[in-house]
């Protein structure tokens, strides 16, 4: 079964590039354009991993991360925060709220895919 990644980001160009990159790497991709959509999407069908932008409308990524971690169903769901905020304080906040990892924009596509693979069993990925 192909692992599913939820990309939660409000920037259309980033969403498109992540979709193409991750699909090429063998993953199924779903998209949420704000924090509320991200929460709804996870509640409908839990993805295998979430790429979560910190700054989104309606509910920011920090709030979404904290809400997901507060629910036992998603305590082990890998959440990678993806943000333009590179200050240490922001990283510490994301990790304290339960993020599994934290990547700053702009990011290396190779590093992003390597990080995703680190949290998803490689044998699940279909070439």
PDB file of N, CA and C in Angstrom:
ATOM      1  N   UNK A   1       0.839  -1.178   0.000  1.00  0.00           N
ATOM      2  CA  UNK A   1       0.000   0.000   0.000  1.00  0.00           C
ATOM      3  C   UNK A   1       0.887   1.246   0.000  1.00  0.00           C
ATOM      4  N   UNK A   2       0.566   2.199  -0.845  1.00  0.00           N
ATOM      5  CA  UNK A   2       1.346   3.419  -0.963  1.00  0.00           C
ATOM      6  C   UNK A   2       1.088   4.345   0.221  1.00  0.00           C
ATOM      7  N   UNK A   3       2.145   4.788   0.911  1.00  0.00           N
ATOM      8  CA  UNK A   3       1.954   5.724   2.024  1.00  0.00           C
ATOM      9  C   UNK A   3       1.368   7.052   1.540  1.00  0.00           C
ATOM     10  N   UNK A   4       0.527   7.633   2.360  1.00  0.00           N
ATOM     11  CA  UNK A   4      -0.120   8.903   2.028  1.00  0.00           C
ATOM     12  C   UNK A   4       0.460  10.019   2.887  1.00  0.00           C
ATOM     13  N   UNK A   5       0.763  11.128   2.218  1.00  0.00           N
ATOM     14  CA  UNK A   5       1.286  12.304   2.906  1.00  0.00           C
ATOM     15  C   UNK A   5       0.279  13.431   2.748  1.00  0.00           C
ATOM     16  N   UNK A   6      -0.041  14.069   3.860  1.00  0.00           N
ATOM     17  CA  UNK A   6      -0.898  15.247   3.821  1.00  0.00           C
ATOM     18  C   UNK A   6       0.008  16.476   3.816  1.00  0.00           C
ATOM     19  N   UNK A   7      -0.110  17.283   2.752  1.00  0.00           N
ATOM     20  CA  UNK A   7       0.630  18.537   2.657  1.00  0.00           C
ATOM     21  C   UNK A   7      -0.335  19.641   3.076  1.00  0.00           C
ATOM     22  N   UNK A   8      -0.041  20.278   4.202  1.00  0.00           N
ATOM     23  CA  UNK A   8      -0.886  21.362   4.705  1.00  0.00           C
ATOM     24  C   UNK A   8      -0.104  22.670   4.575  1.00  0.00           C
ATOM     25  N   UNK A   9      -0.449  23.438   3.537  1.00  0.00           N
ATOM     26  CA  UNK A   9       0.257  24.688   3.254  1.00  0.00           C
ATOM     27  C   UNK A   9      -0.673  25.577   2.456  1.00  0.00           C
ATOM     28  N   UNK A  10      -0.606  26.885   2.688  1.00  0.00           N
ATOM     29  CA  UNK A  10      -1.496  27.806   1.988  1.00  0.00           C
ATOM     30  C   UNK A  10      -0.842  28.465   0.785  1.00  0.00           C
ATOM     31  N   UNK A  11       0.420  28.136   0.488  1.00  0.00           N
ATOM     32  CA  UNK A  11       1.127  28.734  -0.638  1.00  0.00           C
ATOM     33  C   UNK A  11       1.022  27.799  -1.855  1.00  0.00           C
ATOM     34  N   UNK A  12       0.211  28.173  -2.874  1.00  0.00           N
ATOM     35  CA  UNK A  12      -0.034  27.282  -4.007  1.00  0.00           C
ATOM     36  C   UNK A  12       1.224  26.758  -4.698  1.00  0.00           C
ATOM     37  N   UNK A  13       2.244  27.581  -4.863  1.00  0.00           N
ATOM     38  CA  UNK A  13       3.449  27.121  -5.562  1.00  0.00           C
ATOM     39  C   UNK A  13       4.197  26.063  -4.743  1.00  0.00           C
ATOM     40  N   UNK A  14       4.194  26.210  -3.434  1.00  0.00           N
ATOM     41  CA  UNK A  14       4.852  25.211  -2.583  1.00  0.00           C
ATOM     42  C   UNK A  14       4.055  23.908  -2.591  1.00  0.00           C
ATOM     43  N   UNK A  15       2.733  24.026  -2.517  1.00  0.00           N
ATOM     44  CA  UNK A  15       1.873  22.840  -2.550  1.00  0.00           C
ATOM     45  C   UNK A  15       2.108  22.057  -3.847  1.00  0.00           C
ATOM     46  N   UNK A  16       2.119  22.758  -4.964  1.00  0.00           N
ATOM     47  CA  UNK A  16       2.311  22.104  -6.258  1.00  0.00           C
ATOM     48  C   UNK A  16       3.681  21.437  -6.338  1.00  0.00           C
ATOM     49  N   UNK A  17       4.721  22.138  -5.923  1.00  0.00           N
ATOM     50  CA  UNK A  17       6.057  21.548  -6.009  1.00  0.00           C
ATOM     51  C   UNK A  17       6.193  20.336  -5.086  1.00  0.00           C
ATOM     52  N   UNK A  18       5.602  20.415  -3.893  1.00  0.00           N
ATOM     53  CA  UNK A  18       5.644  19.274  -2.978  1.00  0.00           C
ATOM     54  C   UNK A  18       4.854  18.092  -3.526  1.00  0.00           C
ATOM     55  N   UNK A  19       3.694  18.374  -4.137  1.00  0.00           N
ATOM     56  CA  UNK A  19       2.899  17.292  -4.730  1.00  0.00           C
ATOM     57  C   UNK A  19       3.702  16.545  -5.780  1.00  0.00           C
ATOM     58  N   UNK A  20       4.301  17.293  -6.696  1.00  0.00           N
ATOM     59  CA  UNK A  20       5.082  16.678  -7.782  1.00  0.00           C
ATOM     60  C   UNK A  20       6.265  15.899  -7.212  1.00  0.00           C
ATOM     61  N   UNK A  21       7.003  16.516  -6.310  1.00  0.00           N
ATOM     62  CA  UNK A  21       8.181  15.895  -5.710  1.00  0.00           C
ATOM     63  C   UNK A  21       7.825  14.594  -4.990  1.00  0.00           C
ATOM     64  N   UNK A  22       6.796  14.635  -4.162  1.00  0.00           N
ATOM     65  CA  UNK A  22       6.431  13.474  -3.359  1.00  0.00           C
ATOM     66  C   UNK A  22       5.795  12.365  -4.194  1.00  0.00           C
ATOM     67  N   UNK A  23       5.000  12.738  -5.196  1.00  0.00           N
ATOM     68  CA  UNK A  23       4.422  11.720  -6.070  1.00  0.00           C
ATOM     69  C   UNK A  23       5.525  11.027  -6.873  1.00  0.00           C
ATOM     70  N   UNK A  24       6.507  11.794  -7.323  1.00  0.00           N
ATOM     71  CA  UNK A  24       7.654  11.216  -8.035  1.00  0.00           C
ATOM     72  C   UNK A  24       8.423  10.251  -7.139  1.00  0.00           C
ATOM     73  N   UNK A  25       8.444  10.545  -5.842  1.00  0.00           N
ATOM     74  CA  UNK A  25       9.146   9.693  -4.876  1.00  0.00           C
ATOM     75  C   UNK A  25       8.321   8.463  -4.490  1.00  0.00           C
ATOM     76  N   UNK A  26       7.086   8.356  -5.007  1.00  0.00           N
ATOM     77  CA  UNK A  26       6.282   7.163  -4.781  1.00  0.00           C
ATOM     78  C   UNK A  26       5.199   7.273  -3.725  1.00  0.00           C
ATOM     79  N   UNK A  27       4.872   8.486  -3.317  1.00  0.00           N
ATOM     80  CA  UNK A  27       3.862   8.676  -2.282  1.00  0.00           C
ATOM     81  C   UNK A  27       2.544   9.189  -2.865  1.00  0.00           C
ATOM     82  N   UNK A  28       1.459   8.873  -2.192  1.00  0.00           N
ATOM     83  CA  UNK A  28       0.157   9.478  -2.508  1.00  0.00           C
ATOM     84  C   UNK A  28       0.109  10.781  -1.719  1.00  0.00           C
ATOM     85  N   UNK A  29      -0.439  11.836  -2.329  1.00  0.00           N
ATOM     86  CA  UNK A  29      -0.440  13.148  -1.683  1.00  0.00           C
ATOM     87  C   UNK A  29      -1.856  13.699  -1.593  1.00  0.00           C
ATOM     88  N   UNK A  30      -2.202  14.175  -0.392  1.00  0.00           N
ATOM     89  CA  UNK A  30      -3.442  14.931  -0.189  1.00  0.00           C
ATOM     90  C   UNK A  30      -3.045  16.339   0.221  1.00  0.00           C
ATOM     91  N   UNK A  31      -3.952  17.295  -0.012  1.00  0.00           N
ATOM     92  CA  UNK A  31      -3.625  18.696   0.259  1.00  0.00           C
ATOM     93  C   UNK A  31      -4.673  19.332   1.160  1.00  0.00           C
ATOM     94  N   UNK A  32      -4.196  20.152   2.093  1.00  0.00           N
ATOM     95  CA  UNK A  32      -5.060  21.004   2.910  1.00  0.00           C
ATOM     96  C   UNK A  32      -4.480  22.409   2.805  1.00  0.00           C
ATOM     97  N   UNK A  33      -5.344  23.395   2.574  1.00  0.00           N
ATOM     98  CA  UNK A  33      -4.853  24.757   2.341  1.00  0.00           C
ATOM     99  C   UNK A  33      -4.932  25.668   3.576  1.00  0.00           C
ATOM    100  N   UNK A  34      -5.422  25.128   4.681  1.00  0.00           N
ATOM    101  CA  UNK A  34      -5.415  25.877   5.943  1.00  0.00           C
ATOM    102  C   UNK A  34      -5.502  24.868   7.093  1.00  0.00           C
ATOM    103  N   UNK A  35      -5.376  25.386   8.304  1.00  0.00           N
ATOM    104  CA  UNK A  35      -5.359  24.505   9.464  1.00  0.00           C
ATOM    105  C   UNK A  35      -6.643  23.728   9.694  1.00  0.00           C
ATOM    106  N   UNK A  36      -7.779  24.367   9.413  1.00  0.00           N
ATOM    107  CA  UNK A  36      -9.058  23.655   9.584  1.00  0.00           C
ATOM    108  C   UNK A  36      -9.184  22.499   8.597  1.00  0.00           C
ATOM    109  N   UNK A  37      -8.792  22.741   7.335  1.00  0.00           N
ATOM    110  CA  UNK A  37      -8.823  21.664   6.331  1.00  0.00           C
ATOM    111  C   UNK A  37      -7.895  20.521   6.749  1.00  0.00           C
ATOM    112  N   UNK A  38      -6.746  20.862   7.308  1.00  0.00           N
ATOM    113  CA  UNK A  38      -5.802  19.833   7.750  1.00  0.00           C
ATOM    114  C   UNK A  38      -6.434  18.948   8.823  1.00  0.00           C
ATOM    115  N   UNK A  39      -7.073  19.570   9.805  1.00  0.00           N
ATOM    116  CA  UNK A  39      -7.723  18.805  10.875  1.00  0.00           C
ATOM    117  C   UNK A  39      -8.840  17.924  10.317  1.00  0.00           C
ATOM    118  N   UNK A  40      -9.652  18.465   9.413  1.00  0.00           N
ATOM    119  CA  UNK A  40     -10.742  17.687   8.799  1.00  0.00           C
ATOM    120  C   UNK A  40     -10.185  16.511   8.014  1.00  0.00           C
ATOM    121  N   UNK A  41      -9.128  16.757   7.237  1.00  0.00           N
ATOM    122  CA  UNK A  41      -8.542  15.711   6.415  1.00  0.00           C
ATOM    123  C   UNK A  41      -8.000  14.565   7.268  1.00  0.00           C
ATOM    124  N   UNK A  42      -7.324  14.895   8.354  1.00  0.00           N
ATOM    125  CA  UNK A  42      -6.782  13.865   9.245  1.00  0.00           C
ATOM    126  C   UNK A  42      -7.920  13.090   9.908  1.00  0.00           C
ATOM    127  N   UNK A  43      -8.974  13.785  10.304  1.00  0.00           N
ATOM    128  CA  UNK A  43     -10.116  13.122  10.949  1.00  0.00           C
ATOM    129  C   UNK A  43     -10.826  12.167   9.996  1.00  0.00           C
ATOM    130  N   UNK A  44     -10.908  12.530   8.710  1.00  0.00           N
ATOM    131  CA  UNK A  44     -11.576  11.674   7.715  1.00  0.00           C
ATOM    132  C   UNK A  44     -10.765  10.421   7.434  1.00  0.00           C
ATOM    133  N   UNK A  45      -9.488  10.588   7.138  1.00  0.00           N
ATOM    134  CA  UNK A  45      -8.599   9.466   6.853  1.00  0.00           C
ATOM    135  C   UNK A  45      -7.203   9.843   7.312  1.00  0.00           C
ATOM    136  N   UNK A  46      -6.690   9.143   8.287  1.00  0.00           N
ATOM    137  CA  UNK A  46      -5.374   9.471   8.827  1.00  0.00           C
ATOM    138  C   UNK A  46      -4.289   9.198   7.788  1.00  0.00           C
ATOM    139  N   UNK A  47      -3.474  10.216   7.479  1.00  0.00           N
ATOM    140  CA  UNK A  47      -2.359  10.000   6.551  1.00  0.00           C
ATOM    141  C   UNK A  47      -1.220   9.275   7.270  1.00  0.00           C
ATOM    142  N   UNK A  48      -0.199   8.901   6.520  1.00  0.00           N
ATOM    143  CA  UNK A  48       0.963   8.248   7.134  1.00  0.00           C
ATOM    144  C   UNK A  48       1.963   9.272   7.666  1.00  0.00           C
ATOM    145  N   UNK A  49       1.874  10.505   7.148  1.00  0.00           N
ATOM    146  CA  UNK A  49       2.779  11.574   7.562  1.00  0.00           C
ATOM    147  C   UNK A  49       2.151  12.906   7.169  1.00  0.00           C
ATOM    148  N   UNK A  50       2.461  13.974   7.922  1.00  0.00           N
ATOM    149  CA  UNK A  50       1.966  15.310   7.579  1.00  0.00           C
ATOM    150  C   UNK A  50       3.150  16.254   7.408  1.00  0.00           C
ATOM    151  N   UNK A  51       3.143  17.005   6.309  1.00  0.00           N
ATOM    152  CA  UNK A  51       4.047  18.139   6.133  1.00  0.00           C
ATOM    153  C   UNK A  51       3.195  19.350   6.462  1.00  0.00           C
ATOM    154  N   UNK A  52       3.521  20.039   7.537  1.00  0.00           N
ATOM    155  CA  UNK A  52       2.642  21.053   8.101  1.00  0.00           C
ATOM    156  C   UNK A  52       3.306  22.423   8.144  1.00  0.00           C
ATOM    157  N   UNK A  53       2.764  23.360   7.375  1.00  0.00           N
ATOM    158  CA  UNK A  53       3.266  24.731   7.387  1.00  0.00           C
ATOM    159  C   UNK A  53       2.895  25.380   8.715  1.00  0.00           C
ATOM    160  N   UNK A  54       3.824  26.129   9.281  1.00  0.00           N
ATOM    161  CA  UNK A  54       3.559  26.772  10.572  1.00  0.00           C
ATOM    162  C   UNK A  54       2.587  27.942  10.443  1.00  0.00           C
ATOM    163  N   UNK A  55       2.683  28.686   9.343  1.00  0.00           N
ATOM    164  CA  UNK A  55       1.866  29.889   9.190  1.00  0.00           C
ATOM    165  C   UNK A  55       0.799  29.669   8.111  1.00  0.00           C
ATOM    166  N   UNK A  56      -0.421  29.390   8.574  1.00  0.00           N
ATOM    167  CA  UNK A  56      -1.552  29.174   7.675  1.00  0.00           C
ATOM    168  C   UNK A  56      -2.761  29.924   8.209  1.00  0.00           C
ATOM    169  N   UNK A  57      -3.733  30.196   7.322  1.00  0.00           N
ATOM    170  CA  UNK A  57      -4.967  30.839   7.797  1.00  0.00           C
ATOM    171  C   UNK A  57      -5.839  29.873   8.610  1.00  0.00           C
ATOM    172  N   UNK A  58      -6.772  30.451   9.327  1.00  0.00           N
ATOM    173  CA  UNK A  58      -7.782  29.766  10.151  1.00  0.00           C
ATOM    174  C   UNK A  58      -7.201  29.132  11.403  1.00  0.00           C
ATOM    175  N   UNK A  59      -6.257  28.217  11.242  1.00  0.00           N
ATOM    176  CA  UNK A  59      -5.526  27.638  12.379  1.00  0.00           C
ATOM    177  C   UNK A  59      -4.086  27.471  11.934  1.00  0.00           C
ATOM    178  N   UNK A  60      -3.145  28.014  12.709  1.00  0.00           N
ATOM    179  CA  UNK A  60      -1.756  27.860  12.276  1.00  0.00           C
ATOM    180  C   UNK A  60      -1.254  26.450  12.560  1.00  0.00           C
ATOM    181  N   UNK A  61      -0.097  26.130  11.987  1.00  0.00           N
ATOM    182  CA  UNK A  61       0.449  24.786  12.118  1.00  0.00           C
ATOM    183  C   UNK A  61       0.775  24.389  13.547  1.00  0.00           C
ATOM    184  N   UNK A  62       1.181  25.365  14.358  1.00  0.00           N
ATOM    185  CA  UNK A  62       1.478  25.060  15.763  1.00  0.00           C
ATOM    186  C   UNK A  62       0.213  24.579  16.477  1.00  0.00           C
ATOM    187  N   UNK A  63      -0.906  25.252  16.222  1.00  0.00           N
ATOM    188  CA  UNK A  63      -2.185  24.884  16.829  1.00  0.00           C
ATOM    189  C   UNK A  63      -2.631  23.500  16.338  1.00  0.00           C
ATOM    190  N   UNK A  64      -2.483  23.262  15.033  1.00  0.00           N
ATOM    191  CA  UNK A  64      -2.866  21.963  14.456  1.00  0.00           C
ATOM    192  C   UNK A  64      -2.019  20.856  15.080  1.00  0.00           C
ATOM    193  N   UNK A  65      -0.724  21.078  15.165  1.00  0.00           N
ATOM    194  CA  UNK A  65       0.180  20.081  15.743  1.00  0.00           C
ATOM    195  C   UNK A  65      -0.215  19.765  17.183  1.00  0.00           C
ATOM    196  N   UNK A  66      -0.448  20.798  17.967  1.00  0.00           N
ATOM    197  CA  UNK A  66      -0.825  20.621  19.369  1.00  0.00           C
ATOM    198  C   UNK A  66      -2.155  19.858  19.478  1.00  0.00           C
ATOM    199  N   UNK A  67      -3.123  20.193  18.625  1.00  0.00           N
ATOM    200  CA  UNK A  67      -4.431  19.510  18.650  1.00  0.00           C
ATOM    201  C   UNK A  67      -4.293  18.041  18.279  1.00  0.00           C
ATOM    202  N   UNK A  68      -3.484  17.751  17.272  1.00  0.00           N
ATOM    203  CA  UNK A  68      -3.295  16.357  16.864  1.00  0.00           C
ATOM    204  C   UNK A  68      -2.623  15.556  17.973  1.00  0.00           C
ATOM    205  N   UNK A  69      -1.632  16.138  18.612  1.00  0.00           N
ATOM    206  CA  UNK A  69      -0.914  15.434  19.681  1.00  0.00           C
ATOM    207  C   UNK A  69      -1.781  15.227  20.917  1.00  0.00           C
ATOM    208  N   UNK A  70      -2.788  16.048  21.089  1.00  0.00           N
ATOM    209  CA  UNK A  70      -3.683  15.912  22.242  1.00  0.00           C
ATOM    210  C   UNK A  70      -4.652  14.742  22.069  1.00  0.00           C
ATOM    211  N   UNK A  71      -4.761  14.210  20.860  1.00  0.00           N
ATOM    212  CA  UNK A  71      -5.674  13.107  20.564  1.00  0.00           C
ATOM    213  C   UNK A  71      -4.870  11.811  20.444  1.00  0.00           C
ATOM    214  N   UNK A  72      -5.208  10.834  21.248  1.00  0.00           N
ATOM    215  CA  UNK A  72      -4.468   9.565  21.282  1.00  0.00           C
ATOM    216  C   UNK A  72      -4.387   8.871  19.924  1.00  0.00           C
ATOM    217  N   UNK A  73      -5.384   9.102  19.058  1.00  0.00           N
ATOM    218  CA  UNK A  73      -5.364   8.453  17.735  1.00  0.00           C
ATOM    219  C   UNK A  73      -4.161   8.883  16.905  1.00  0.00           C
ATOM    220  N   UNK A  74      -3.648  10.075  17.176  1.00  0.00           N
ATOM    221  CA  UNK A  74      -2.592  10.625  16.311  1.00  0.00           C
ATOM    222  C   UNK A  74      -1.297  10.913  17.052  1.00  0.00           C
ATOM    223  N   UNK A  75      -1.122  10.326  18.228  1.00  0.00           N
ATOM    224  CA  UNK A  75       0.074  10.631  19.011  1.00  0.00           C
ATOM    225  C   UNK A  75       1.356  10.154  18.328  1.00  0.00           C
ATOM    226  N   UNK A  76       1.275   9.129  17.482  1.00  0.00           N
ATOM    227  CA  UNK A  76       2.468   8.606  16.808  1.00  0.00           C
ATOM    228  C   UNK A  76       2.563   9.025  15.340  1.00  0.00           C
ATOM    229  N   UNK A  77       1.641   9.836  14.877  1.00  0.00           N
ATOM    230  CA  UNK A  77       1.639  10.292  13.483  1.00  0.00           C
ATOM    231  C   UNK A  77       2.823  11.228  13.251  1.00  0.00           C
ATOM    232  N   UNK A  78       3.713  10.909  12.298  1.00  0.00           N
ATOM    233  CA  UNK A  78       4.839  11.814  12.042  1.00  0.00           C
ATOM    234  C   UNK A  78       4.356  13.164  11.492  1.00  0.00           C
ATOM    235  N   UNK A  79       4.759  14.232  12.156  1.00  0.00           N
ATOM    236  CA  UNK A  79       4.406  15.594  11.733  1.00  0.00           C
ATOM    237  C   UNK A  79       5.707  16.358  11.512  1.00  0.00           C
ATOM    238  N   UNK A  80       5.942  16.746  10.281  1.00  0.00           N
ATOM    239  CA  UNK A  80       7.128  17.532   9.953  1.00  0.00           C
ATOM    240  C   UNK A  80       6.677  18.964   9.705  1.00  0.00           C
ATOM    241  N   UNK A  81       7.101  19.863  10.583  1.00  0.00           N
ATOM    242  CA  UNK A  81       6.776  21.279  10.425  1.00  0.00           C
ATOM    243  C   UNK A  81       7.646  21.829   9.288  1.00  0.00           C
ATOM    244  N   UNK A  82       7.029  22.596   8.425  1.00  0.00           N
ATOM    245  CA  UNK A  82       7.697  23.178   7.273  1.00  0.00           C
ATOM    246  C   UNK A  82       7.429  24.669   7.334  1.00  0.00           C
ATOM    247  N   UNK A  83       8.476  25.470   7.528  1.00  0.00           N
ATOM    248  CA  UNK A  83       8.211  26.881   7.732  1.00  0.00           C
ATOM    249  C   UNK A  83       9.355  27.787   7.310  1.00  0.00           C
ATOM    250  N   UNK A  84       8.999  29.016   6.991  1.00  0.00           N
ATOM    251  CA  UNK A  84       9.993  30.034   6.665  1.00  0.00           C
ATOM    252  C   UNK A  84      10.619  30.602   7.935  1.00  0.00           C
ATOM    253  N   UNK A  85      10.015  30.323   9.066  1.00  0.00           N
ATOM    254  CA  UNK A  85      10.548  30.809  10.346  1.00  0.00           C
ATOM    255  C   UNK A  85      11.718  29.931  10.765  1.00  0.00           C
ATOM    256  N   UNK A  86      12.918  30.499  10.696  1.00  0.00           N
ATOM    257  CA  UNK A  86      14.101  29.682  10.973  1.00  0.00           C
ATOM    258  C   UNK A  86      14.712  29.939  12.346  1.00  0.00           C
ATOM    259  N   UNK A  87      14.120  30.843  13.106  1.00  0.00           N
ATOM    260  CA  UNK A  87      14.674  31.130  14.431  1.00  0.00           C
ATOM    261  C   UNK A  87      14.577  29.907  15.338  1.00  0.00           C
ATOM    262  N   UNK A  88      15.569  29.760  16.186  1.00  0.00           N
ATOM    263  CA  UNK A  88      15.617  28.635  17.119  1.00  0.00           C
ATOM    264  C   UNK A  88      14.372  28.548  17.993  1.00  0.00           C
ATOM    265  N   UNK A  89      13.856  29.721  18.378  1.00  0.00           N
ATOM    266  CA  UNK A  89      12.674  29.785  19.237  1.00  0.00           C
ATOM    267  C   UNK A  89      11.470  29.124  18.550  1.00  0.00           C
ATOM    268  N   UNK A  90      11.326  29.343  17.244  1.00  0.00           N
ATOM    269  CA  UNK A  90      10.220  28.741  16.489  1.00  0.00           C
ATOM    270  C   UNK A  90      10.388  27.223  16.418  1.00  0.00           C
ATOM    271  N   UNK A  91      11.606  26.792  16.163  1.00  0.00           N
ATOM    272  CA  UNK A  91      11.890  25.352  16.100  1.00  0.00           C
ATOM    273  C   UNK A  91      11.574  24.699  17.448  1.00  0.00           C
ATOM    274  N   UNK A  92      12.036  25.325  18.523  1.00  0.00           N
ATOM    275  CA  UNK A  92      11.791  24.789  19.854  1.00  0.00           C
ATOM    276  C   UNK A  92      10.294  24.725  20.159  1.00  0.00           C
ATOM    277  N   UNK A  93       9.556  25.747  19.725  1.00  0.00           N
ATOM    278  CA  UNK A  93       8.106  25.766  19.940  1.00  0.00           C
ATOM    279  C   UNK A  93       7.454  24.590  19.207  1.00  0.00           C
ATOM    280  N   UNK A  94       7.817  24.407  17.919  1.00  0.00           N
ATOM    281  CA  UNK A  94       7.263  23.304  17.133  1.00  0.00           C
ATOM    282  C   UNK A  94       7.563  21.953  17.756  1.00  0.00           C
ATOM    283  N   UNK A  95       8.791  21.760  18.188  1.00  0.00           N
ATOM    284  CA  UNK A  95       9.178  20.486  18.780  1.00  0.00           C
ATOM    285  C   UNK A  95       8.481  20.288  20.139  1.00  0.00           C
ATOM    286  N   UNK A  96       8.354  21.363  20.902  1.00  0.00           N
ATOM    287  CA  UNK A  96       7.683  21.273  22.206  1.00  0.00           C
ATOM    288  C   UNK A  96       6.209  20.916  22.057  1.00  0.00           C
ATOM    289  N   UNK A  97       5.594  21.353  20.959  1.00  0.00           N
ATOM    290  CA  UNK A  97       4.177  21.063  20.723  1.00  0.00           C
ATOM    291  C   UNK A  97       3.964  19.673  20.118  1.00  0.00           C
ATOM    292  N   UNK A  98       5.049  18.974  19.820  1.00  0.00           N
ATOM    293  CA  UNK A  98       4.919  17.601  19.356  1.00  0.00           C
ATOM    294  C   UNK A  98       5.344  17.317  17.940  1.00  0.00           C
ATOM    295  N   UNK A  99       5.939  18.292  17.253  1.00  0.00           N
ATOM    296  CA  UNK A  99       6.415  18.025  15.889  1.00  0.00           C
ATOM    297  C   UNK A  99       7.488  16.940  15.938  1.00  0.00           C
ATOM    298  N   UNK A 100       7.488  16.082  14.938  1.00  0.00           N
ATOM    299  CA  UNK A 100       8.475  15.015  14.852  1.00  0.00           C
ATOM    300  C   UNK A 100       9.789  15.572  14.331  1.00  0.00           C
ATOM    301  N   UNK A 101       9.694  16.537  13.421  1.00  0.00           N
ATOM    302  CA  UNK A 101      10.869  17.165  12.829  1.00  0.00           C
ATOM    303  C   UNK A 101      10.479  18.558  12.368  1.00  0.00           C
ATOM    304  N   UNK A 102      11.475  19.333  11.941  1.00  0.00           N
ATOM    305  CA  UNK A 102      11.242  20.739  11.605  1.00  0.00           C
ATOM    306  C   UNK A 102      12.168  21.095  10.444  1.00  0.00           C
ATOM    307  N   UNK A 103      11.600  21.524   9.330  1.00  0.00           N
ATOM    308  CA  UNK A 103      12.390  21.895   8.151  1.00  0.00           C
ATOM    309  C   UNK A 103      12.083  23.343   7.798  1.00  0.00           C
ATOM    310  N   UNK A 104      13.127  24.122   7.543  1.00  0.00           N
ATOM    311  CA  UNK A 104      12.910  25.526   7.195  1.00  0.00           C
ATOM    312  C   UNK A 104      12.945  25.731   5.682  1.00  0.00           C
ATOM    313  N   UNK A 105      12.125  26.690   5.230  1.00  0.00           N
ATOM    314  CA  UNK A 105      12.090  27.083   3.821  1.00  0.00           C
ATOM    315  C   UNK A 105      13.101  28.201   3.621  1.00  0.00           C
ATOM    316  N   UNK A 106      13.772  28.280   2.504  1.00  0.00           N
ATOM    317  CA  UNK A 106      13.748  27.299   1.412  1.00  0.00           C
ATOM    318  C   UNK A 106      14.468  26.022   1.845  1.00  0.00           C
ATOM    319  N   UNK A 107      14.054  24.906   1.271  1.00  0.00           N
ATOM    320  CA  UNK A 107      14.615  23.625   1.653  1.00  0.00           C
ATOM    321  C   UNK A 107      15.160  22.903   0.430  1.00  0.00           C
ATOM    322  N   UNK A 108      16.065  22.001   0.675  1.00  0.00           N
ATOM    323  CA  UNK A 108      16.595  21.143  -0.385  1.00  0.00           C
ATOM    324  C   UNK A 108      15.576  20.029  -0.628  1.00  0.00           C
ATOM    325  N   UNK A 109      15.187  19.837  -1.881  1.00  0.00           N
ATOM    326  CA  UNK A 109      14.206  18.779  -2.175  1.00  0.00           C
ATOM    327  C   UNK A 109      14.758  17.408  -1.807  1.00  0.00           C
ATOM    328  N   UNK A 110      16.041  17.218  -2.008  1.00  0.00           N
ATOM    329  CA  UNK A 110      16.660  15.933  -1.667  1.00  0.00           C
ATOM    330  C   UNK A 110      16.589  15.697  -0.159  1.00  0.00           C
ATOM    331  N   UNK A 111      16.881  16.739   0.624  1.00  0.00           N
ATOM    332  CA  UNK A 111      16.824  16.612   2.078  1.00  0.00           C
ATOM    333  C   UNK A 111      15.395  16.376   2.559  1.00  0.00           C
ATOM    334  N   UNK A 112      14.437  17.044   1.928  1.00  0.00           N
ATOM    335  CA  UNK A 112      13.036  16.873   2.309  1.00  0.00           C
ATOM    336  C   UNK A 112      12.594  15.427   2.083  1.00  0.00           C
ATOM    337  N   UNK A 113      12.894  14.876   0.913  1.00  0.00           N
ATOM    338  CA  UNK A 113      12.509  13.491   0.616  1.00  0.00           C
ATOM    339  C   UNK A 113      13.227  12.536   1.567  1.00  0.00           C
ATOM    340  N   UNK A 114      14.490  12.799   1.871  1.00  0.00           N
ATOM    341  CA  UNK A 114      15.240  11.949   2.806  1.00  0.00           C
ATOM    342  C   UNK A 114      14.591  11.986   4.196  1.00  0.00           C
ATOM    343  N   UNK A 115      14.149  13.150   4.619  1.00  0.00           N
ATOM    344  CA  UNK A 115      13.503  13.279   5.926  1.00  0.00           C
ATOM    345  C   UNK A 115      12.179  12.522   5.942  1.00  0.00           C
ATOM    346  N   UNK A 116      11.391  12.663   4.882  1.00  0.00           N
ATOM    347  CA  UNK A 116      10.120  11.937   4.774  1.00  0.00           C
ATOM    348  C   UNK A 116      10.385  10.428   4.831  1.00  0.00           C
ATOM    349  N   UNK A 117      11.364   9.979   4.066  1.00  0.00           N
ATOM    350  CA  UNK A 117      11.678   8.535   4.038  1.00  0.00           C
ATOM    351  C   UNK A 117      12.129   8.029   5.403  1.00  0.00           C
ATOM    352  N   UNK A 118      12.801   8.896   6.161  1.00  0.00           N
ATOM    353  CA  UNK A 118      13.276   8.513   7.485  1.00  0.00           C
ATOM    354  C   UNK A 118      12.106   8.118   8.390  1.00  0.00           C
ATOM    355  N   UNK A 119      10.953   8.773   8.188  1.00  0.00           N
ATOM    356  CA  UNK A 119       9.795   8.522   9.057  1.00  0.00           C
ATOM    357  C   UNK A 119       8.781   7.548   8.474  1.00  0.00           C
ATOM    358  N   UNK A 120       8.965   7.158   7.220  1.00  0.00           N
ATOM    359  CA  UNK A 120       8.068   6.182   6.595  1.00  0.00           C
ATOM    360  C   UNK A 120       8.883   4.966   6.187  1.00  0.00           C
ATOM    361  N   UNK A 121       8.373   3.804   6.462  1.00  0.00           N
ATOM    362  CA  UNK A 121       9.092   2.580   6.105  1.00  0.00           C
ATOM    363  C   UNK A 121       9.317   2.512   4.597  1.00  0.00           C
ATOM    364  N   UNK A 122      10.572   2.448   4.147  1.00  0.00           N
ATOM    365  CA  UNK A 122      10.847   2.463   2.710  1.00  0.00           C
ATOM    366  C   UNK A 122      10.217   1.296   1.954  1.00  0.00           C
ATOM    367  N   UNK A 123      10.031   0.166   2.626  1.00  0.00           N
ATOM    368  CA  UNK A 123       9.456  -0.987   1.927  1.00  0.00           C
ATOM    369  C   UNK A 123       7.982  -0.763   1.553  1.00  0.00           C
ATOM    370  N   UNK A 124       7.345   0.251   2.142  1.00  0.00           N
ATOM    371  CA  UNK A 124       5.945   0.543   1.812  1.00  0.00           C
ATOM    372  C   UNK A 124       5.806   1.332   0.511  1.00  0.00           C
ATOM    373  N   UNK A 125       6.881   1.979   0.095  1.00  0.00           N
ATOM    374  CA  UNK A 125       6.807   2.870  -1.071  1.00  0.00           C
ATOM    375  C   UNK A 125       6.835   2.059  -2.352  1.00  0.00           C
ATOM    376  N   UNK A 126       5.883   2.345  -3.211  1.00  0.00           N
ATOM    377  CA  UNK A 126       5.831   1.692  -4.514  1.00  0.00           C
ATOM    378  C   UNK A 126       6.637   2.523  -5.509  1.00  0.00           C
ATOM    379  N   UNK A 127       7.556   1.914  -6.277  1.00  0.00           N
ATOM    380  CA  UNK A 127       8.347   2.689  -7.250  1.00  0.00           C
ATOM    381  C   UNK A 127       7.506   3.228  -8.376  1.00  0.00           C
TER     382      UNK A 127
END
